[in-house]
Amino acid sequence: MRRESIYRGWVVCACVVSILSGVWLWVTGEHPFGAFGIAAGVFHALWGLDLRALVRGRWRRRPIVIPTLRPIVVSPPHRSLAQRLRAWRLRRDAVTHG
């Protein structure tokens, strides 16, 4: 048997025994101890289900992403207002004096 399956079996056993003993204590009138037993069983159930992993979404299978080669498009460098006005003036001069 693998260690993980023995561990999961132990967690399930602790969960069931804690809940049953908590319910029995609750029925016999020991409400605080019964509540602790039930809470311990719920804690063991959430521990066995690995609640942290469920919250993070580790149970969902993530799709396999195959990277594709895409051409890299480089945007032209940002031009300042002075550079744009200079280019506009040069084009205007070329048209009028051309």
N, C-alpha and C. Protein backbone atom coordinates (compact mmCIF):
# COMPACT_ATOMS: atom_id res chain seq x y z
N MET A 1 0.83 -1.19 0.00
CA MET A 1 0.00 0.00 0.00
C MET A 1 0.87 1.25 0.00
N ARG A 2 0.46 2.22 -0.71
CA ARG A 2 1.22 3.46 -0.75
C ARG A 2 0.98 4.29 0.50
N ARG A 3 1.94 5.11 0.82
CA ARG A 3 1.85 5.93 2.02
C ARG A 3 0.68 6.90 1.94
N GLU A 4 0.42 7.44 0.76
CA GLU A 4 -0.68 8.41 0.62
C GLU A 4 -2.03 7.76 0.87
N SER A 5 -2.23 6.54 0.39
CA SER A 5 -3.52 5.88 0.61
C SER A 5 -3.71 5.53 2.09
N ILE A 6 -2.63 5.15 2.78
CA ILE A 6 -2.74 4.89 4.22
C ILE A 6 -3.07 6.19 4.96
N TYR A 7 -2.45 7.27 4.56
CA TYR A 7 -2.71 8.57 5.19
C TYR A 7 -4.16 8.98 4.97
N ARG A 8 -4.65 8.85 3.75
CA ARG A 8 -6.05 9.23 3.48
C ARG A 8 -7.02 8.35 4.27
N GLY A 9 -6.70 7.06 4.37
CA GLY A 9 -7.55 6.17 5.17
C GLY A 9 -7.57 6.58 6.63
N TRP A 10 -6.42 6.97 7.15
CA TRP A 10 -6.34 7.43 8.53
C TRP A 10 -7.15 8.72 8.73
N VAL A 11 -7.09 9.65 7.79
CA VAL A 11 -7.85 10.89 7.90
C VAL A 11 -9.34 10.61 7.85
N VAL A 12 -9.77 9.70 6.98
CA VAL A 12 -11.19 9.35 6.90
C VAL A 12 -11.64 8.70 8.20
N CYS A 13 -10.83 7.79 8.73
CA CYS A 13 -11.15 7.13 10.00
C CYS A 13 -11.27 8.15 11.12
N ALA A 14 -10.34 9.08 11.22
CA ALA A 14 -10.38 10.11 12.26
C ALA A 14 -11.60 11.00 12.09
N CYS A 15 -11.96 11.29 10.86
CA CYS A 15 -13.13 12.12 10.58
C CYS A 15 -14.40 11.43 11.06
N VAL A 16 -14.57 10.17 10.69
CA VAL A 16 -15.79 9.43 11.04
C VAL A 16 -15.88 9.25 12.55
N VAL A 17 -14.78 8.86 13.17
CA VAL A 17 -14.79 8.62 14.62
C VAL A 17 -15.06 9.93 15.37
N SER A 18 -14.47 11.02 14.93
CA SER A 18 -14.68 12.31 15.61
C SER A 18 -16.13 12.75 15.50
N ILE A 19 -16.72 12.62 14.33
CA ILE A 19 -18.11 13.04 14.16
C ILE A 19 -19.03 12.14 14.96
N LEU A 20 -18.82 10.82 14.91
CA LEU A 20 -19.69 9.91 15.66
C LEU A 20 -19.57 10.14 17.17
N SER A 21 -18.35 10.31 17.66
CA SER A 21 -18.20 10.55 19.10
C SER A 21 -18.78 11.91 19.48
N GLY A 22 -18.63 12.91 18.62
CA GLY A 22 -19.22 14.22 18.90
C GLY A 22 -20.73 14.16 18.94
N VAL A 23 -21.33 13.44 18.01
CA VAL A 23 -22.80 13.29 18.01
C VAL A 23 -23.24 12.54 19.26
N TRP A 24 -22.51 11.50 19.63
CA TRP A 24 -22.88 10.72 20.82
C TRP A 24 -22.78 11.58 22.08
N LEU A 25 -21.72 12.37 22.18
CA LEU A 25 -21.60 13.26 23.34
C LEU A 25 -22.70 14.32 23.34
N TRP A 26 -23.06 14.81 22.18
CA TRP A 26 -24.14 15.80 22.08
C TRP A 26 -25.46 15.19 22.54
N VAL A 27 -25.75 13.96 22.12
CA VAL A 27 -27.00 13.30 22.49
C VAL A 27 -27.06 13.04 24.00
N THR A 28 -25.93 12.69 24.59
CA THR A 28 -25.92 12.39 26.02
C THR A 28 -25.90 13.64 26.89
N GLY A 29 -25.86 14.82 26.30
CA GLY A 29 -25.96 16.05 27.06
C GLY A 29 -24.65 16.80 27.22
N GLU A 30 -23.57 16.29 26.73
CA GLU A 30 -22.27 16.97 26.80
C GLU A 30 -22.10 17.84 25.56
N HIS A 31 -22.85 18.95 25.56
CA HIS A 31 -22.88 19.79 24.35
C HIS A 31 -21.53 20.41 23.99
N PRO A 32 -20.77 20.97 24.94
CA PRO A 32 -19.48 21.57 24.52
C PRO A 32 -18.51 20.54 23.94
N PHE A 33 -18.40 19.37 24.60
CA PHE A 33 -17.49 18.35 24.09
C PHE A 33 -18.00 17.74 22.79
N GLY A 34 -19.33 17.61 22.68
CA GLY A 34 -19.91 17.13 21.42
C GLY A 34 -19.64 18.07 20.27
N ALA A 35 -19.73 19.39 20.55
CA ALA A 35 -19.46 20.38 19.50
C ALA A 35 -18.00 20.31 19.08
N PHE A 36 -17.09 20.12 20.06
CA PHE A 36 -15.68 19.99 19.72
C PHE A 36 -15.42 18.74 18.88
N GLY A 37 -16.10 17.65 19.20
CA GLY A 37 -15.92 16.42 18.42
C GLY A 37 -16.41 16.57 17.00
N ILE A 38 -17.58 17.20 16.84
CA ILE A 38 -18.11 17.42 15.49
C ILE A 38 -17.20 18.38 14.72
N ALA A 39 -16.72 19.43 15.40
CA ALA A 39 -15.81 20.38 14.73
C ALA A 39 -14.52 19.69 14.32
N ALA A 40 -14.01 18.80 15.17
CA ALA A 40 -12.78 18.08 14.81
C ALA A 40 -13.03 17.18 13.61
N GLY A 41 -14.21 16.56 13.53
CA GLY A 41 -14.53 15.72 12.38
C GLY A 41 -14.62 16.53 11.10
N VAL A 42 -15.25 17.69 11.20
CA VAL A 42 -15.35 18.56 10.01
C VAL A 42 -13.96 19.03 9.60
N PHE A 43 -13.12 19.37 10.59
CA PHE A 43 -11.75 19.77 10.29
C PHE A 43 -11.00 18.66 9.56
N HIS A 44 -11.16 17.41 10.05
CA HIS A 44 -10.49 16.29 9.39
C HIS A 44 -11.02 16.08 7.97
N ALA A 45 -12.32 16.29 7.77
CA ALA A 45 -12.89 16.14 6.42
C ALA A 45 -12.31 17.18 5.48
N LEU A 46 -12.23 18.44 5.95
CA LEU A 46 -11.68 19.49 5.11
C LEU A 46 -10.18 19.27 4.87
N TRP A 47 -9.49 18.75 5.87
CA TRP A 47 -8.06 18.43 5.73
C TRP A 47 -7.86 17.33 4.70
N GLY A 48 -8.72 16.31 4.75
CA GLY A 48 -8.61 15.19 3.81
C GLY A 48 -8.93 15.60 2.38
N LEU A 49 -9.86 16.55 2.24
CA LEU A 49 -10.20 17.03 0.90
C LEU A 49 -9.19 18.05 0.39
N ASP A 50 -8.27 18.47 1.26
CA ASP A 50 -7.27 19.48 0.93
C ASP A 50 -7.95 20.76 0.48
N LEU A 51 -8.63 21.38 1.44
CA LEU A 51 -9.42 22.56 1.15
C LEU A 51 -8.58 23.69 0.56
N ARG A 52 -7.34 23.84 1.01
CA ARG A 52 -6.51 24.91 0.45
C ARG A 52 -6.30 24.71 -1.05
N ALA A 53 -6.11 23.45 -1.45
CA ALA A 53 -5.93 23.19 -2.89
C ALA A 53 -7.22 23.43 -3.64
N LEU A 54 -8.36 23.11 -3.01
CA LEU A 54 -9.64 23.36 -3.68
C LEU A 54 -9.87 24.85 -3.87
N VAL A 55 -9.51 25.63 -2.86
CA VAL A 55 -9.70 27.07 -2.97
C VAL A 55 -8.82 27.65 -4.07
N ARG A 56 -7.60 27.15 -4.18
CA ARG A 56 -6.70 27.64 -5.23
C ARG A 56 -7.03 27.07 -6.61
N GLY A 57 -7.88 26.08 -6.68
CA GLY A 57 -8.29 25.54 -7.96
C GLY A 57 -7.36 24.47 -8.49
N ARG A 58 -6.68 23.74 -7.62
CA ARG A 58 -5.74 22.74 -8.10
C ARG A 58 -6.45 21.48 -8.59
N TRP A 59 -7.70 21.30 -8.23
CA TRP A 59 -8.39 20.10 -8.71
C TRP A 59 -8.78 20.21 -10.17
N ARG A 60 -8.95 21.46 -10.63
CA ARG A 60 -9.28 21.62 -12.05
C ARG A 60 -8.07 21.29 -12.88
N ARG A 61 -8.28 20.54 -13.92
CA ARG A 61 -7.15 20.22 -14.80
C ARG A 61 -6.86 21.43 -15.67
N ARG A 62 -5.63 21.78 -15.69
CA ARG A 62 -5.24 22.91 -16.50
C ARG A 62 -4.94 22.44 -17.92
N PRO A 63 -5.36 23.18 -18.91
CA PRO A 63 -5.10 22.76 -20.28
C PRO A 63 -3.60 22.81 -20.59
N ILE A 64 -3.21 21.93 -21.47
CA ILE A 64 -1.82 21.92 -21.93
C ILE A 64 -1.68 23.01 -22.99
N VAL A 65 -0.78 23.90 -22.77
CA VAL A 65 -0.58 25.02 -23.69
C VAL A 65 0.67 24.74 -24.50
N ILE A 66 0.49 24.67 -25.80
CA ILE A 66 1.62 24.46 -26.70
C ILE A 66 1.98 25.82 -27.28
N PRO A 67 3.17 26.30 -27.00
CA PRO A 67 3.52 27.63 -27.50
C PRO A 67 3.63 27.63 -29.02
N THR A 68 3.16 28.68 -29.61
CA THR A 68 3.25 28.83 -31.06
C THR A 68 4.19 30.00 -31.37
N LEU A 69 4.83 29.91 -32.51
CA LEU A 69 5.72 30.99 -32.92
C LEU A 69 4.89 32.07 -33.58
N ARG A 70 4.98 33.24 -33.02
CA ARG A 70 4.24 34.38 -33.57
C ARG A 70 5.25 35.45 -33.96
N PRO A 71 4.99 36.15 -35.04
CA PRO A 71 5.92 37.22 -35.39
C PRO A 71 5.86 38.33 -34.34
N ILE A 72 7.00 38.84 -34.01
CA ILE A 72 7.06 39.91 -33.02
C ILE A 72 6.90 41.23 -33.76
N VAL A 73 5.89 41.98 -33.38
CA VAL A 73 5.63 43.28 -33.99
C VAL A 73 6.16 44.33 -33.04
N VAL A 74 7.12 45.08 -33.53
CA VAL A 74 7.73 46.13 -32.71
C VAL A 74 7.06 47.44 -33.06
N SER A 75 6.52 48.09 -32.08
CA SER A 75 5.88 49.38 -32.35
C SER A 75 6.95 50.44 -32.55
N PRO A 76 6.65 51.43 -33.37
CA PRO A 76 7.64 52.48 -33.60
C PRO A 76 7.88 53.26 -32.30
N PRO A 77 9.03 53.86 -32.18
CA PRO A 77 9.32 54.60 -30.95
C PRO A 77 8.38 55.80 -30.81
N HIS A 78 8.10 56.15 -29.59
CA HIS A 78 7.23 57.28 -29.31
C HIS A 78 7.91 58.58 -29.75
N ARG A 79 7.15 59.38 -30.48
CA ARG A 79 7.72 60.64 -30.96
C ARG A 79 7.16 61.79 -30.15
N SER A 80 8.01 62.70 -29.80
CA SER A 80 7.59 63.85 -29.00
C SER A 80 6.86 64.86 -29.90
N LEU A 81 6.24 65.81 -29.24
CA LEU A 81 5.52 66.85 -29.98
C LEU A 81 6.48 67.66 -30.84
N ALA A 82 7.66 67.94 -30.33
CA ALA A 82 8.64 68.71 -31.10
C ALA A 82 9.06 67.95 -32.36
N GLN A 83 9.24 66.63 -32.25
CA GLN A 83 9.62 65.84 -33.43
C GLN A 83 8.49 65.84 -34.46
N ARG A 84 7.25 65.72 -34.00
CA ARG A 84 6.13 65.73 -34.95
C ARG A 84 5.97 67.08 -35.63
N LEU A 85 6.15 68.17 -34.89
CA LEU A 85 6.05 69.50 -35.51
C LEU A 85 7.17 69.74 -36.50
N ARG A 86 8.39 69.25 -36.17
CA ARG A 86 9.52 69.40 -37.09
C ARG A 86 9.24 68.63 -38.38
N ALA A 87 8.72 67.42 -38.29
CA ALA A 87 8.41 66.63 -39.48
C ALA A 87 7.30 67.29 -40.29
N TRP A 88 6.31 67.85 -39.61
CA TRP A 88 5.23 68.53 -40.32
C TRP A 88 5.77 69.75 -41.07
N ARG A 89 6.69 70.50 -40.41
CA ARG A 89 7.26 71.68 -41.06
C ARG A 89 8.10 71.30 -42.27
N LEU A 90 8.88 70.20 -42.16
CA LEU A 90 9.68 69.76 -43.29
C LEU A 90 8.81 69.31 -44.45
N ARG A 91 7.71 68.62 -44.17
CA ARG A 91 6.80 68.21 -45.25
C ARG A 91 6.14 69.42 -45.89
N ARG A 92 5.77 70.40 -45.08
CA ARG A 92 5.12 71.60 -45.61
C ARG A 92 6.09 72.40 -46.46
N ASP A 93 7.34 72.50 -46.00
CA ASP A 93 8.34 73.21 -46.80
C ASP A 93 8.64 72.49 -48.11
N ALA A 94 8.64 71.17 -48.08
CA ALA A 94 8.90 70.42 -49.29
C ALA A 94 7.78 70.60 -50.29
N VAL A 95 6.55 70.75 -49.84
CA VAL A 95 5.42 70.93 -50.75
C VAL A 95 5.42 72.35 -51.31
N THR A 96 5.64 73.33 -50.48
CA THR A 96 5.57 74.72 -50.94
C THR A 96 6.80 75.15 -51.73
N HIS A 97 8.00 74.64 -51.35
CA HIS A 97 9.23 75.03 -52.05
C HIS A 97 9.71 73.99 -53.04
N GLY A 98 9.02 72.87 -53.13
CA GLY A 98 9.44 71.74 -53.89
C GLY A 98 9.60 71.85 -55.31
